[in-house]
Amino acid sequence: MSILLNDDTRVIVQGITGKIGSVQTKWMLEYGTKIVGGVTPGKGGNRVEGLPVFNYVDEAVKETGANASVFFVPAAFVLDAFLETIDAGVGFIVIVPEHIPVTMS
């Protein structure tokens, strides 16, 4: 088993201002995850749990040095969020989309 997170992992939370994103951010901080900011388009300049919120992923990466992202975004925005994150150079992405059914095969 490999370790995917370490002391150098700096996480942004996409959808940080939403109901689920803000609660999960609080829990992750309590657990010790090194969250450095969040992204919600149109809500840049706000703060959640003391963390800065940015409008775009590339802004967040430039300002915080983030190298990982976790998504708590509605299903309709997952693909765009993913592509934006890849374009910003983030190499470790965890997607927890809202209202996308999980299938088992």
Protein backbone atom coordinates (compact mmCIF):
# COMPACT_ATOMS: atom_id res chain seq x y z
CA MET A 1 0.00 0.00 0.00
CA SER A 2 1.39 3.40 -0.91
CA ILE A 3 0.90 6.64 0.96
CA LEU A 4 -0.69 9.26 -1.26
CA LEU A 5 -0.62 12.18 1.18
CA ASN A 6 2.40 13.37 3.12
CA ASP A 7 3.72 16.46 4.90
CA ASP A 8 4.31 18.16 1.54
CA THR A 9 0.70 17.76 0.35
CA ARG A 10 -1.10 21.11 0.12
CA VAL A 11 -4.81 20.69 -0.58
CA ILE A 12 -7.41 23.01 -2.07
CA VAL A 13 -11.11 22.29 -1.70
CA GLN A 14 -13.21 22.96 -4.77
CA GLY A 15 -16.74 23.81 -3.72
CA ILE A 16 -15.51 24.99 -0.32
CA THR A 17 -18.38 27.46 0.15
CA GLY A 18 -21.12 24.88 -0.41
CA LYS A 19 -22.94 23.03 2.35
CA ILE A 20 -21.00 19.78 1.94
CA GLY A 21 -17.68 21.40 1.04
CA SER A 22 -17.63 23.66 4.09
CA VAL A 23 -18.52 20.85 6.51
CA GLN A 24 -15.98 18.46 4.97
CA THR A 25 -13.33 21.20 5.12
CA LYS A 26 -13.95 21.63 8.85
CA TRP A 27 -13.66 17.89 9.42
CA MET A 28 -10.53 17.54 7.30
CA LEU A 29 -8.86 20.40 9.17
CA GLU A 30 -9.76 18.77 12.48
CA TYR A 31 -8.20 15.53 11.22
CA GLY A 32 -5.00 17.36 10.30
CA THR A 33 -5.23 17.66 6.51
CA LYS A 34 -3.10 20.57 5.28
CA ILE A 35 -5.79 22.54 3.47
CA VAL A 36 -4.43 25.80 2.09
CA GLY A 37 -7.52 27.29 0.45
CA GLY A 38 -10.60 26.70 -1.61
CA VAL A 39 -12.18 27.49 -4.95
CA THR A 40 -15.72 28.57 -5.72
CA PRO A 41 -16.26 30.64 -8.87
CA GLY A 42 -17.72 34.05 -8.02
CA LYS A 43 -16.86 33.80 -4.32
CA GLY A 44 -13.18 34.69 -4.43
CA GLY A 45 -12.06 36.93 -1.59
CA ASN A 46 -14.21 35.18 0.99
CA ARG A 47 -12.88 32.94 3.75
CA VAL A 48 -14.08 29.56 5.01
CA GLU A 49 -12.65 28.20 8.26
CA GLY A 50 -10.07 30.99 7.99
CA LEU A 51 -8.93 29.78 4.56
CA PRO A 52 -8.88 32.00 1.46
CA VAL A 53 -11.39 31.32 -1.30
CA PHE A 54 -10.38 31.86 -4.92
CA ASN A 55 -12.44 32.14 -8.11
CA TYR A 56 -10.16 29.90 -10.17
CA VAL A 57 -7.91 26.91 -9.52
CA ASP A 58 -4.86 28.47 -11.17
CA GLU A 59 -5.16 31.45 -8.78
CA ALA A 60 -5.33 29.11 -5.80
CA VAL A 61 -2.31 27.10 -6.98
CA LYS A 62 -0.22 30.23 -7.61
CA GLU A 63 -1.10 31.79 -4.24
CA THR A 64 -0.92 28.69 -2.03
CA GLY A 65 1.37 26.22 -3.76
CA ALA A 66 -1.41 23.63 -3.75
CA ASN A 67 -0.52 20.27 -5.28
CA ALA A 68 -3.72 18.36 -4.49
CA SER A 69 -7.43 19.04 -4.78
CA VAL A 70 -10.61 17.53 -3.45
CA PHE A 71 -13.94 18.28 -5.14
CA PHE A 72 -17.30 18.75 -3.47
CA VAL A 73 -19.12 20.17 -6.49
CA PRO A 74 -22.49 19.43 -8.09
CA ALA A 75 -22.48 16.76 -10.77
CA ALA A 76 -23.04 19.26 -13.58
CA PHE A 77 -19.72 20.97 -12.81
CA VAL A 78 -17.43 17.98 -12.18
CA LEU A 79 -15.96 17.73 -15.69
CA ASP A 80 -15.22 21.46 -15.93
CA ALA A 81 -13.69 21.45 -12.44
CA PHE A 82 -11.56 18.43 -13.34
CA LEU A 83 -10.27 19.98 -16.58
CA GLU A 84 -9.53 23.29 -14.85
CA THR A 85 -7.57 21.45 -12.16
CA ILE A 86 -5.52 19.47 -14.67
CA ASP A 87 -4.81 22.69 -16.61
CA ALA A 88 -3.54 24.28 -13.37
CA GLY A 89 -1.01 21.47 -12.96
CA VAL A 90 -2.51 19.75 -9.95
CA GLY A 91 -1.49 16.10 -10.05
CA PHE A 92 -3.49 14.57 -7.20
CA ILE A 93 -7.28 14.90 -7.42
CA VAL A 94 -10.01 13.36 -5.29
CA ILE A 95 -13.55 13.75 -6.64
CA VAL A 96 -16.55 13.46 -4.33
CA PRO A 97 -19.31 14.82 -6.57
CA GLU A 98 -22.78 15.54 -5.30
CA HIS A 99 -25.67 13.53 -6.74
CA ILE A 100 -23.70 11.25 -9.06
CA PRO A 101 -24.87 7.68 -8.54
CA VAL A 102 -22.31 5.05 -7.65
CA THR A 103 -22.52 1.90 -9.74
CA MET A 104 -21.17 -1.51 -8.86
CA SER A 105 -20.25 -4.11 -11.43
